[in-house]
C-alpha atoms as a PDB file:
ATOM      1  CA  MET A   1     -11.263 -38.973 -14.694  1.00  0.00           C
ATOM      2  CA  ARG A   2      -7.355 -37.843 -13.927  1.00  0.00           C
ATOM      3  CA  GLN A   3      -7.516 -35.299 -16.776  1.00  0.00           C
ATOM      4  CA  MET A   4     -10.703 -33.620 -15.029  1.00  0.00           C
ATOM      5  CA  LEU A   5      -8.143 -33.452 -11.790  1.00  0.00           C
ATOM      6  CA  ILE A   6      -5.447 -32.366 -13.533  1.00  0.00           C
ATOM      7  CA  ALA A   7      -7.667 -29.605 -15.329  1.00  0.00           C
ATOM      8  CA  GLY A   8      -9.278 -28.688 -12.088  1.00  0.00           C
ATOM      9  CA  THR A   9      -5.699 -28.586 -10.393  1.00  0.00           C
ATOM     10  CA  ALA A  10      -4.663 -26.121 -13.004  1.00  0.00           C
ATOM     11  CA  ALA A  11      -7.673 -23.795 -12.839  1.00  0.00           C
ATOM     12  CA  VAL A  12      -7.345 -23.395  -9.197  1.00  0.00           C
ATOM     13  CA  ALA A  13      -3.891 -22.757  -9.334  1.00  0.00           C
ATOM     14  CA  VAL A  14      -4.573 -19.967 -12.273  1.00  0.00           C
ATOM     15  CA  LEU A  15      -7.359 -18.155 -10.338  1.00  0.00           C
ATOM     16  CA  ALA A  16      -4.626 -18.306  -6.940  1.00  0.00           C
ATOM     17  CA  GLY A  17      -2.259 -16.825  -9.119  1.00  0.00           C
ATOM     18  CA  SER A  18      -4.123 -14.072 -10.574  1.00  0.00           C
ATOM     19  CA  GLU A  19      -5.671 -13.255  -7.183  1.00  0.00           C
ATOM     20  CA  VAL A  20      -2.516 -13.115  -5.640  1.00  0.00           C
ATOM     21  CA  LEU A  21      -0.967 -10.607  -8.678  1.00  0.00           C
ATOM     22  CA  SER A  22      -3.887  -8.498  -7.974  1.00  0.00           C
ATOM     23  CA  ALA A  23      -3.216  -8.241  -4.493  1.00  0.00           C
ATOM     24  CA  GLN A  24       0.413  -7.258  -5.319  1.00  0.00           C
ATOM     25  CA  THR A  25      -1.060  -4.882  -7.646  1.00  0.00           C
ATOM     26  CA  THR A  26      -3.858  -2.582  -5.656  1.00  0.00           C
ATOM     27  CA  THR A  27      -3.426   1.321  -5.884  1.00  0.00           C
ATOM     28  CA  ILE A  28      -5.596   3.798  -4.984  1.00  0.00           C
ATOM     29  CA  GLU A  29      -6.685   6.870  -6.682  1.00  0.00           C
ATOM     30  CA  ILE A  30      -5.955  10.325  -4.816  1.00  0.00           C
ATOM     31  CA  ALA A  31      -7.275  13.231  -6.611  1.00  0.00           C
ATOM     32  CA  PRO A  32      -4.685  16.197  -6.757  1.00  0.00           C
ATOM     33  CA  GLU A  33      -6.064  18.476  -3.862  1.00  0.00           C
ATOM     34  CA  GLN A  34      -6.200  15.748  -1.732  1.00  0.00           C
ATOM     35  CA  ARG A  35      -2.312  14.710  -2.475  1.00  0.00           C
ATOM     36  CA  THR A  36      -1.389  18.620  -1.832  1.00  0.00           C
ATOM     37  CA  ARG A  37      -3.423  18.150   1.654  1.00  0.00           C
ATOM     38  CA  ILE A  38      -1.572  15.400   2.678  1.00  0.00           C
ATOM     39  CA  LYS A  39       1.863  16.852   1.330  1.00  0.00           C
ATOM     40  CA  GLU A  40       0.899  20.233   3.408  1.00  0.00           C
ATOM     41  CA  TYR A  41       0.412  18.235   6.595  1.00  0.00           C
ATOM     42  CA  VAL A  42       3.153  16.345   6.746  1.00  0.00           C
ATOM     43  CA  VAL A  43       5.428  19.910   6.196  1.00  0.00           C
ATOM     44  CA  ARG A  44       3.053  21.459   8.986  1.00  0.00           C
ATOM     45  CA  GLU A  45       3.105  19.024  11.454  1.00  0.00           C
ATOM     46  CA  LYS A  46       6.712  18.260  10.753  1.00  0.00           C
ATOM     47  CA  VAL A  47       6.518  14.499  10.266  1.00  0.00           C
ATOM     48  CA  LYS A  48       9.690  13.005  10.963  1.00  0.00           C
ATOM     49  CA  PRO A  49      10.909  11.126   8.238  1.00  0.00           C
ATOM     50  CA  ILE A  50      12.224   7.088   8.497  1.00  0.00           C
ATOM     51  CA  THR A  51      14.690   5.496   6.472  1.00  0.00           C
ATOM     52  CA  VAL A  52      13.735   1.990   5.302  1.00  0.00           C
ATOM     53  CA  ARG A  53      16.243  -0.379   3.787  1.00  0.00           C
ATOM     54  CA  GLU A  54      13.957  -2.172   1.197  1.00  0.00           C
ATOM     55  CA  ARG A  55      13.057  -0.111  -1.634  1.00  0.00           C
ATOM     56  CA  LEU A  56       9.757   1.658  -1.672  1.00  0.00           C
ATOM     57  CA  ALA A  57       7.117   0.924  -4.472  1.00  0.00           C
ATOM     58  CA  VAL A  58       3.694  -0.045  -4.496  1.00  0.00           C
ATOM     59  CA  GLY A  59       3.398  -3.856  -4.302  1.00  0.00           C
ATOM     60  CA  ALA A  60       6.059  -3.587  -1.813  1.00  0.00           C
ATOM     61  CA  THR A  61       5.832  -5.254   1.750  1.00  0.00           C
ATOM     62  CA  LEU A  62       7.209  -3.170   4.584  1.00  0.00           C
ATOM     63  CA  PRO A  63       9.068  -4.931   7.199  1.00  0.00           C
ATOM     64  CA  ALA A  64       7.679  -5.931  10.765  1.00  0.00           C
ATOM     65  CA  ASP A  65      10.171  -3.083  12.187  1.00  0.00           C
ATOM     66  CA  VAL A  66       8.736  -0.300  10.302  1.00  0.00           C
ATOM     67  CA  GLU A  67       6.405   1.596  12.332  1.00  0.00           C
ATOM     68  CA  LEU A  68       3.128   2.456  10.419  1.00  0.00           C
ATOM     69  CA  VAL A  69       1.067   5.773  11.670  1.00  0.00           C
ATOM     70  CA  PRO A  70      -2.713   6.064  11.506  1.00  0.00           C
ATOM     71  CA  VAL A  71      -3.684   8.300   8.601  1.00  0.00           C
ATOM     72  CA  PRO A  72      -5.287  11.588   9.995  1.00  0.00           C
ATOM     73  CA  GLU A  73      -8.839  12.289   9.788  1.00  0.00           C
ATOM     74  CA  THR A  74      -8.255  15.408   7.809  1.00  0.00           C
ATOM     75  CA  TRP A  75      -6.697  13.164   4.693  1.00  0.00           C
ATOM     76  CA  GLY A  76     -10.207  12.025   3.528  1.00  0.00           C
ATOM     77  CA  PRO A  77     -12.459   8.997   4.362  1.00  0.00           C
ATOM     78  CA  SER A  78     -11.095   7.236   1.067  1.00  0.00           C
ATOM     79  CA  VAL A  79      -7.667   7.090   2.738  1.00  0.00           C
ATOM     80  CA  SER A  80      -8.873   6.440   6.271  1.00  0.00           C
ATOM     81  CA  ARG A  81      -8.385   2.535   6.174  1.00  0.00           C
ATOM     82  CA  TYR A  82      -4.954   2.629   5.658  1.00  0.00           C
ATOM     83  CA  ARG A  83      -1.653   3.676   7.558  1.00  0.00           C
ATOM     84  CA  TYR A  84       1.422   5.566   6.295  1.00  0.00           C
ATOM     85  CA  VAL A  85       5.353   6.301   6.593  1.00  0.00           C
ATOM     86  CA  TYR A  86       7.171   9.454   5.789  1.00  0.00           C
ATOM     87  CA  SER A  87      10.296   8.625   3.874  1.00  0.00           C
ATOM     88  CA  ASP A  88      12.717  10.488   1.117  1.00  0.00           C
ATOM     89  CA  ASP A  89      10.121  12.827   1.171  1.00  0.00           C
ATOM     90  CA  HIS A  90       7.445  10.761  -0.006  1.00  0.00           C
ATOM     91  CA  VAL A  91       4.086   9.801   1.927  1.00  0.00           C
ATOM     92  CA  VAL A  92       3.645   6.216   1.377  1.00  0.00           C
ATOM     93  CA  LEU A  93       0.362   4.765   2.145  1.00  0.00           C
ATOM     94  CA  VAL A  94       0.160   1.216   3.435  1.00  0.00           C
ATOM     95  CA  GLU A  95      -2.194  -1.283   3.889  1.00  0.00           C
ATOM     96  CA  PRO A  96      -2.313  -2.203   7.568  1.00  0.00           C
ATOM     97  CA  SER A  97      -3.001  -5.996   7.374  1.00  0.00           C
ATOM     98  CA  SER A  98      -0.732  -6.909   4.607  1.00  0.00           C
ATOM     99  CA  ARG A  99       1.859  -4.150   5.078  1.00  0.00           C
ATOM    100  CA  ARG A 100       1.611  -3.748   1.173  1.00  0.00           C
ATOM    101  CA  VAL A 101       2.348  -0.231  -0.141  1.00  0.00           C
ATOM    102  CA  VAL A 102      -0.852   0.850  -1.970  1.00  0.00           C
ATOM    103  CA  GLN A 103       0.042   4.451  -3.232  1.00  0.00           C
ATOM    104  CA  ILE A 104       3.201   7.029  -2.907  1.00  0.00           C
ATOM    105  CA  ILE A 105       2.434  10.379  -2.777  1.00  0.00           C
ATOM    106  CA  ASP A 106       5.544  12.657  -4.068  1.00  0.00           C
END
């Protein structure tokens, strides 16, 4: 009985760990023409860049004091659920509920 409990606990830990890992590495695919449209938008609209002390990378979590901006409709439905920041000449797409970076557009 004790061995079954230990094995069950280990299985739950493995599953929980894999969910955390997959949540940390979530990325989205953005077509090259959509990337161009997004970059043209930030230039045309003169989006003010922000400075973030933390290293921005896919999977990183942005601090609560970083203001996330809603994604414009013109960027397309595939990214409409995200928010973004513009920093260091990069558009950084962020999952708003977790504040995790899901894509960085150069």
